[in-house]
Amino acid sequence: MIEKDEAIEIARKRATENNWRFGEPLNVFTRRNWSGVTIRFEIETNAGSLGTKAIFVIDAKTGEIISEGYIPR
């Protein structure tokens, strides 16, 4: 099981690999299953602002990136 800070670092590393901007502020949503166990982290860069955005969904158990996307504005 990974923590929120580890999920952010995984996303930051992938953004760097893809030459994507990883701008602050971040929104990190923690998704839990019915029993309250964290199942995934959803990370959005440049949250609440117009412009370039990167979005990542990371599995909380394995640290694997489930989904990623980039909006270059």
PDB file of N, CA and C in Angstrom:
ATOM      1  N   MET A   1       0.839  -1.175   0.000  1.00  0.00           N
ATOM      2  CA  MET A   1       0.000   0.000   0.000  1.00  0.00           C
ATOM      3  C   MET A   1       0.889   1.245   0.000  1.00  0.00           C
ATOM      4  N   ILE A   2       0.632   2.156  -0.917  1.00  0.00           N
ATOM      5  CA  ILE A   2       1.415   3.387  -0.970  1.00  0.00           C
ATOM      6  C   ILE A   2       0.645   4.529  -0.305  1.00  0.00           C
ATOM      7  N   GLU A   3       1.362   5.559   0.075  1.00  0.00           N
ATOM      8  CA  GLU A   3       0.778   6.742   0.700  1.00  0.00           C
ATOM      9  C   GLU A   3       0.585   7.836  -0.349  1.00  0.00           C
ATOM     10  N   LYS A   4      -0.132   8.853   0.015  1.00  0.00           N
ATOM     11  CA  LYS A   4      -0.432   9.975  -0.874  1.00  0.00           C
ATOM     12  C   LYS A   4       0.841  10.614  -1.426  1.00  0.00           C
ATOM     13  N   ASP A   5       1.835  10.846  -0.580  1.00  0.00           N
ATOM     14  CA  ASP A   5       3.077  11.482  -1.027  1.00  0.00           C
ATOM     15  C   ASP A   5       3.812  10.632  -2.060  1.00  0.00           C
ATOM     16  N   GLU A   6       3.766   9.312  -1.880  1.00  0.00           N
ATOM     17  CA  GLU A   6       4.402   8.413  -2.843  1.00  0.00           C
ATOM     18  C   GLU A   6       3.672   8.468  -4.182  1.00  0.00           C
ATOM     19  N   ALA A   7       2.350   8.546  -4.141  1.00  0.00           N
ATOM     20  CA  ALA A   7       1.561   8.640  -5.371  1.00  0.00           C
ATOM     21  C   ALA A   7       1.912   9.914  -6.138  1.00  0.00           C
ATOM     22  N   ILE A   8       2.088  11.015  -5.420  1.00  0.00           N
ATOM     23  CA  ILE A   8       2.468  12.276  -6.061  1.00  0.00           C
ATOM     24  C   ILE A   8       3.833  12.138  -6.727  1.00  0.00           C
ATOM     25  N   GLU A   9       4.775  11.499  -6.072  1.00  0.00           N
ATOM     26  CA  GLU A   9       6.109  11.318  -6.651  1.00  0.00           C
ATOM     27  C   GLU A   9       6.078  10.408  -7.889  1.00  0.00           C
ATOM     28  N   ILE A  10       5.226   9.385  -7.855  1.00  0.00           N
ATOM     29  CA  ILE A  10       5.069   8.511  -9.031  1.00  0.00           C
ATOM     30  C   ILE A  10       4.540   9.327 -10.204  1.00  0.00           C
ATOM     31  N   ALA A  11       3.535  10.157  -9.946  1.00  0.00           N
ATOM     32  CA  ALA A  11       2.955  11.004 -11.000  1.00  0.00           C
ATOM     33  C   ALA A  11       3.978  12.020 -11.506  1.00  0.00           C
ATOM     34  N   ARG A  12       4.732  12.625 -10.592  1.00  0.00           N
ATOM     35  CA  ARG A  12       5.747  13.612 -10.979  1.00  0.00           C
ATOM     36  C   ARG A  12       6.816  12.966 -11.878  1.00  0.00           C
ATOM     37  N   LYS A  13       7.235  11.748 -11.527  1.00  0.00           N
ATOM     38  CA  LYS A  13       8.239  11.035 -12.322  1.00  0.00           C
ATOM     39  C   LYS A  13       7.714  10.744 -13.724  1.00  0.00           C
ATOM     40  N   ARG A  14       6.457  10.282 -13.830  1.00  0.00           N
ATOM     41  CA  ARG A  14       5.890   9.976 -15.146  1.00  0.00           C
ATOM     42  C   ARG A  14       5.736  11.246 -15.977  1.00  0.00           C
ATOM     43  N   ALA A  15       5.343  12.341 -15.343  1.00  0.00           N
ATOM     44  CA  ALA A  15       5.219  13.607 -16.064  1.00  0.00           C
ATOM     45  C   ALA A  15       6.572  14.023 -16.640  1.00  0.00           C
ATOM     46  N   THR A  16       7.626  13.862 -15.859  1.00  0.00           N
ATOM     47  CA  THR A  16       8.971  14.191 -16.322  1.00  0.00           C
ATOM     48  C   THR A  16       9.376  13.304 -17.496  1.00  0.00           C
ATOM     49  N   GLU A  17       9.076  12.009 -17.397  1.00  0.00           N
ATOM     50  CA  GLU A  17       9.396  11.070 -18.487  1.00  0.00           C
ATOM     51  C   GLU A  17       8.697  11.463 -19.782  1.00  0.00           C
ATOM     52  N   ASN A  18       7.465  11.971 -19.658  1.00  0.00           N
ATOM     53  CA  ASN A  18       6.666  12.340 -20.835  1.00  0.00           C
ATOM     54  C   ASN A  18       6.874  13.792 -21.266  1.00  0.00           C
ATOM     55  N   ASN A  19       7.774  14.509 -20.587  1.00  0.00           N
ATOM     56  CA  ASN A  19       7.999  15.933 -20.845  1.00  0.00           C
ATOM     57  C   ASN A  19       6.728  16.754 -20.657  1.00  0.00           C
ATOM     58  N   TRP A  20       5.949  16.401 -19.635  1.00  0.00           N
ATOM     59  CA  TRP A  20       4.737  17.129 -19.279  1.00  0.00           C
ATOM     60  C   TRP A  20       5.050  18.062 -18.128  1.00  0.00           C
ATOM     61  N   ARG A  21       4.407  19.212 -18.120  1.00  0.00           N
ATOM     62  CA  ARG A  21       4.558  20.155 -17.011  1.00  0.00           C
ATOM     63  C   ARG A  21       3.796  19.618 -15.803  1.00  0.00           C
ATOM     64  N   PHE A  22       4.388  19.701 -14.627  1.00  0.00           N
ATOM     65  CA  PHE A  22       3.767  19.234 -13.382  1.00  0.00           C
ATOM     66  C   PHE A  22       3.620  20.437 -12.460  1.00  0.00           C
ATOM     67  N   GLY A  23       2.606  21.261 -12.749  1.00  0.00           N
ATOM     68  CA  GLY A  23       2.444  22.534 -12.045  1.00  0.00           C
ATOM     69  C   GLY A  23       1.607  22.451 -10.783  1.00  0.00           C
ATOM     70  N   GLU A  24       1.936  23.311  -9.857  1.00  0.00           N
ATOM     71  CA  GLU A  24       1.167  23.461  -8.625  1.00  0.00           C
ATOM     72  C   GLU A  24       0.030  24.434  -8.903  1.00  0.00           C
ATOM     73  N   PRO A  25      -1.039  24.421  -8.171  1.00  0.00           N
ATOM     74  CA  PRO A  25      -1.378  23.556  -7.045  1.00  0.00           C
ATOM     75  C   PRO A  25      -1.882  22.197  -7.513  1.00  0.00           C
ATOM     76  N   LEU A  26      -1.840  21.231  -6.612  1.00  0.00           N
ATOM     77  CA  LEU A  26      -2.311  19.879  -6.900  1.00  0.00           C
ATOM     78  C   LEU A  26      -3.626  19.616  -6.174  1.00  0.00           C
ATOM     79  N   ASN A  27      -4.482  18.847  -6.816  1.00  0.00           N
ATOM     80  CA  ASN A  27      -5.641  18.255  -6.146  1.00  0.00           C
ATOM     81  C   ASN A  27      -5.377  16.763  -6.097  1.00  0.00           C
ATOM     82  N   VAL A  28      -5.438  16.187  -4.920  1.00  0.00           N
ATOM     83  CA  VAL A  28      -5.273  14.744  -4.780  1.00  0.00           C
ATOM     84  C   VAL A  28      -6.526  14.207  -4.108  1.00  0.00           C
ATOM     85  N   PHE A  29      -7.274  13.402  -4.860  1.00  0.00           N
ATOM     86  CA  PHE A  29      -8.469  12.774  -4.336  1.00  0.00           C
ATOM     87  C   PHE A  29      -8.131  11.350  -3.930  1.00  0.00           C
ATOM     88  N   THR A  30      -8.494  10.971  -2.729  1.00  0.00           N
ATOM     89  CA  THR A  30      -8.285   9.612  -2.250  1.00  0.00           C
ATOM     90  C   THR A  30      -9.605   8.874  -2.379  1.00  0.00           C
ATOM     91  N   ARG A  31      -9.632   7.848  -3.199  1.00  0.00           N
ATOM     92  CA  ARG A  31     -10.849   7.050  -3.403  1.00  0.00           C
ATOM     93  C   ARG A  31     -10.769   5.809  -2.521  1.00  0.00           C
ATOM     94  N   ARG A  32     -11.854   5.532  -1.840  1.00  0.00           N
ATOM     95  CA  ARG A  32     -11.907   4.389  -0.919  1.00  0.00           C
ATOM     96  C   ARG A  32     -13.018   3.437  -1.338  1.00  0.00           C
ATOM     97  N   ASN A  33     -12.873   2.171  -0.958  1.00  0.00           N
ATOM     98  CA  ASN A  33     -13.939   1.211  -1.220  1.00  0.00           C
ATOM     99  C   ASN A  33     -14.979   1.296  -0.101  1.00  0.00           C
ATOM    100  N   TRP A  34     -15.973   0.451  -0.126  1.00  0.00           N
ATOM    101  CA  TRP A  34     -17.078   0.526   0.841  1.00  0.00           C
ATOM    102  C   TRP A  34     -16.631   0.337   2.284  1.00  0.00           C
ATOM    103  N   SER A  35     -15.507  -0.362   2.493  1.00  0.00           N
ATOM    104  CA  SER A  35     -15.032  -0.592   3.864  1.00  0.00           C
ATOM    105  C   SER A  35     -14.057   0.480   4.348  1.00  0.00           C
ATOM    106  N   GLY A  36     -13.784   1.482   3.503  1.00  0.00           N
ATOM    107  CA  GLY A  36     -12.914   2.574   3.903  1.00  0.00           C
ATOM    108  C   GLY A  36     -11.455   2.405   3.540  1.00  0.00           C
ATOM    109  N   VAL A  37     -11.113   1.321   2.839  1.00  0.00           N
ATOM    110  CA  VAL A  37      -9.730   1.084   2.429  1.00  0.00           C
ATOM    111  C   VAL A  37      -9.433   1.907   1.174  1.00  0.00           C
ATOM    112  N   THR A  38      -8.306   2.608   1.183  1.00  0.00           N
ATOM    113  CA  THR A  38      -7.898   3.410   0.025  1.00  0.00           C
ATOM    114  C   THR A  38      -7.606   2.485  -1.146  1.00  0.00           C
ATOM    115  N   ILE A  39      -8.245   2.758  -2.291  1.00  0.00           N
ATOM    116  CA  ILE A  39      -8.029   1.917  -3.467  1.00  0.00           C
ATOM    117  C   ILE A  39      -7.269   2.634  -4.583  1.00  0.00           C
ATOM    118  N   ARG A  40      -7.388   3.967  -4.636  1.00  0.00           N
ATOM    119  CA  ARG A  40      -6.644   4.696  -5.666  1.00  0.00           C
ATOM    120  C   ARG A  40      -6.542   6.174  -5.304  1.00  0.00           C
ATOM    121  N   PHE A  41      -5.563   6.817  -5.948  1.00  0.00           N
ATOM    122  CA  PHE A  41      -5.361   8.254  -5.819  1.00  0.00           C
ATOM    123  C   PHE A  41      -5.575   8.876  -7.190  1.00  0.00           C
ATOM    124  N   GLU A  42      -6.319   9.966  -7.238  1.00  0.00           N
ATOM    125  CA  GLU A  42      -6.524  10.717  -8.474  1.00  0.00           C
ATOM    126  C   GLU A  42      -5.842  12.067  -8.288  1.00  0.00           C
ATOM    127  N   ILE A  43      -4.861  12.352  -9.144  1.00  0.00           N
ATOM    128  CA  ILE A  43      -4.030  13.543  -9.003  1.00  0.00           C
ATOM    129  C   ILE A  43      -4.236  14.446 -10.211  1.00  0.00           C
ATOM    130  N   GLU A  44      -4.516  15.711  -9.940  1.00  0.00           N
ATOM    131  CA  GLU A  44      -4.690  16.715 -10.985  1.00  0.00           C
ATOM    132  C   GLU A  44      -3.716  17.855 -10.719  1.00  0.00           C
ATOM    133  N   THR A  45      -2.917  18.219 -11.712  1.00  0.00           N
ATOM    134  CA  THR A  45      -1.994  19.343 -11.564  1.00  0.00           C
ATOM    135  C   THR A  45      -2.673  20.623 -12.014  1.00  0.00           C
ATOM    136  N   ASN A  46      -2.121  21.752 -11.597  1.00  0.00           N
ATOM    137  CA  ASN A  46      -2.652  23.066 -11.948  1.00  0.00           C
ATOM    138  C   ASN A  46      -4.148  23.140 -11.619  1.00  0.00           C
ATOM    139  N   ALA A  47      -4.507  22.591 -10.484  1.00  0.00           N
ATOM    140  CA  ALA A  47      -5.905  22.433 -10.083  1.00  0.00           C
ATOM    141  C   ALA A  47      -6.610  23.770  -9.928  1.00  0.00           C
ATOM    142  N   GLY A  48      -7.819  23.833 -10.456  1.00  0.00           N
ATOM    143  CA  GLY A  48      -8.635  25.022 -10.317  1.00  0.00           C
ATOM    144  C   GLY A  48      -8.210  26.186 -11.194  1.00  0.00           C
ATOM    145  N   SER A  49      -7.285  25.953 -12.101  1.00  0.00           N
ATOM    146  CA  SER A  49      -6.772  27.028 -12.955  1.00  0.00           C
ATOM    147  C   SER A  49      -6.892  26.642 -14.419  1.00  0.00           C
ATOM    148  N   LEU A  50      -6.909  27.655 -15.255  1.00  0.00           N
ATOM    149  CA  LEU A  50      -6.868  27.411 -16.694  1.00  0.00           C
ATOM    150  C   LEU A  50      -5.424  27.123 -17.093  1.00  0.00           C
ATOM    151  N   GLY A  51      -5.261  26.394 -18.176  1.00  0.00           N
ATOM    152  CA  GLY A  51      -3.919  26.142 -18.676  1.00  0.00           C
ATOM    153  C   GLY A  51      -3.564  24.676 -18.665  1.00  0.00           C
ATOM    154  N   THR A  52      -2.281  24.407 -18.800  1.00  0.00           N
ATOM    155  CA  THR A  52      -1.755  23.049 -18.876  1.00  0.00           C
ATOM    156  C   THR A  52      -2.144  22.241 -17.645  1.00  0.00           C
ATOM    157  N   LYS A  53      -2.567  21.001 -17.877  1.00  0.00           N
ATOM    158  CA  LYS A  53      -2.994  20.122 -16.801  1.00  0.00           C
ATOM    159  C   LYS A  53      -2.545  18.695 -17.084  1.00  0.00           C
ATOM    160  N   ALA A  54      -2.106  18.004 -16.055  1.00  0.00           N
ATOM    161  CA  ALA A  54      -1.827  16.568 -16.139  1.00  0.00           C
ATOM    162  C   ALA A  54      -2.715  15.878 -15.109  1.00  0.00           C
ATOM    163  N   ILE A  55      -3.266  14.737 -15.498  1.00  0.00           N
ATOM    164  CA  ILE A  55      -4.166  13.989 -14.612  1.00  0.00           C
ATOM    165  C   ILE A  55      -3.687  12.546 -14.546  1.00  0.00           C
ATOM    166  N   PHE A  56      -3.600  12.015 -13.329  1.00  0.00           N
ATOM    167  CA  PHE A  56      -3.136  10.647 -13.115  1.00  0.00           C
ATOM    168  C   PHE A  56      -4.078   9.926 -12.168  1.00  0.00           C
ATOM    169  N   VAL A  57      -4.289   8.638 -12.422  1.00  0.00           N
ATOM    170  CA  VAL A  57      -4.999   7.758 -11.494  1.00  0.00           C
ATOM    171  C   VAL A  57      -4.012   6.651 -11.145  1.00  0.00           C
ATOM    172  N   ILE A  58      -3.742   6.514  -9.835  1.00  0.00           N
ATOM    173  CA  ILE A  58      -2.715   5.577  -9.370  1.00  0.00           C
ATOM    174  C   ILE A  58      -3.318   4.580  -8.394  1.00  0.00           C
ATOM    175  N   ASP A  59      -3.060   3.299  -8.627  1.00  0.00           N
ATOM    176  CA  ASP A  59      -3.533   2.225  -7.754  1.00  0.00           C
ATOM    177  C   ASP A  59      -2.813   2.324  -6.410  1.00  0.00           C
ATOM    178  N   ALA A  60      -3.568   2.385  -5.323  1.00  0.00           N
ATOM    179  CA  ALA A  60      -2.980   2.559  -3.990  1.00  0.00           C
ATOM    180  C   ALA A  60      -2.295   1.291  -3.485  1.00  0.00           C
ATOM    181  N   LYS A  61      -2.674   0.144  -4.010  1.00  0.00           N
ATOM    182  CA  LYS A  61      -2.080  -1.107  -3.551  1.00  0.00           C
ATOM    183  C   LYS A  61      -0.728  -1.363  -4.204  1.00  0.00           C
ATOM    184  N   THR A  62      -0.638  -1.130  -5.513  1.00  0.00           N
ATOM    185  CA  THR A  62       0.571  -1.489  -6.258  1.00  0.00           C
ATOM    186  C   THR A  62       1.441  -0.301  -6.659  1.00  0.00           C
ATOM    187  N   GLY A  63       0.859   0.909  -6.679  1.00  0.00           N
ATOM    188  CA  GLY A  63       1.585   2.069  -7.155  1.00  0.00           C
ATOM    189  C   GLY A  63       1.594   2.178  -8.670  1.00  0.00           C
ATOM    190  N   GLU A  64       0.847   1.315  -9.346  1.00  0.00           N
ATOM    191  CA  GLU A  64       0.773   1.316 -10.800  1.00  0.00           C
ATOM    192  C   GLU A  64      -0.099   2.465 -11.288  1.00  0.00           C
ATOM    193  N   ILE A  65       0.312   3.091 -12.390  1.00  0.00           N
ATOM    194  CA  ILE A  65      -0.492   4.145 -12.994  1.00  0.00           C
ATOM    195  C   ILE A  65      -1.587   3.477 -13.825  1.00  0.00           C
ATOM    196  N   ILE A  66      -2.829   3.710 -13.424  1.00  0.00           N
ATOM    197  CA  ILE A  66      -3.990   3.115 -14.101  1.00  0.00           C
ATOM    198  C   ILE A  66      -4.357   3.933 -15.336  1.00  0.00           C
ATOM    199  N   SER A  67      -4.273   5.246 -15.187  1.00  0.00           N
ATOM    200  CA  SER A  67      -4.677   6.146 -16.262  1.00  0.00           C
ATOM    201  C   SER A  67      -3.869   7.433 -16.160  1.00  0.00           C
ATOM    202  N   GLU A  68      -3.617   8.063 -17.295  1.00  0.00           N
ATOM    203  CA  GLU A  68      -2.903   9.337 -17.312  1.00  0.00           C
ATOM    204  C   GLU A  68      -3.372  10.144 -18.495  1.00  0.00           C
ATOM    205  N   GLY A  69      -3.314  11.447 -18.365  1.00  0.00           N
ATOM    206  CA  GLY A  69      -3.713  12.317 -19.458  1.00  0.00           C
ATOM    207  C   GLY A  69      -3.053  13.671 -19.318  1.00  0.00           C
ATOM    208  N   TYR A  70      -3.026  14.412 -20.440  1.00  0.00           N
ATOM    209  CA  TYR A  70      -2.359  15.709 -20.457  1.00  0.00           C
ATOM    210  C   TYR A  70      -3.149  16.659 -21.344  1.00  0.00           C
ATOM    211  N   ILE A  71      -3.359  17.872 -20.856  1.00  0.00           N
ATOM    212  CA  ILE A  71      -4.038  18.901 -21.620  1.00  0.00           C
ATOM    213  C   ILE A  71      -3.046  20.054 -21.800  1.00  0.00           C
ATOM    214  N   PRO A  72      -2.452  20.191 -22.999  1.00  0.00           N
ATOM    215  CA  PRO A  72      -1.489  21.270 -23.233  1.00  0.00           C
ATOM    216  C   PRO A  72      -2.194  22.523 -23.741  1.00  0.00           C
ATOM    217  N   ARG A  73      -2.344  23.534 -22.921  1.00  0.00           N
ATOM    218  CA  ARG A  73      -2.999  24.768 -23.386  1.00  0.00           C
ATOM    219  C   ARG A  73      -2.020  25.883 -23.427  1.00  0.00           C
TER     220      ARG A  73
END
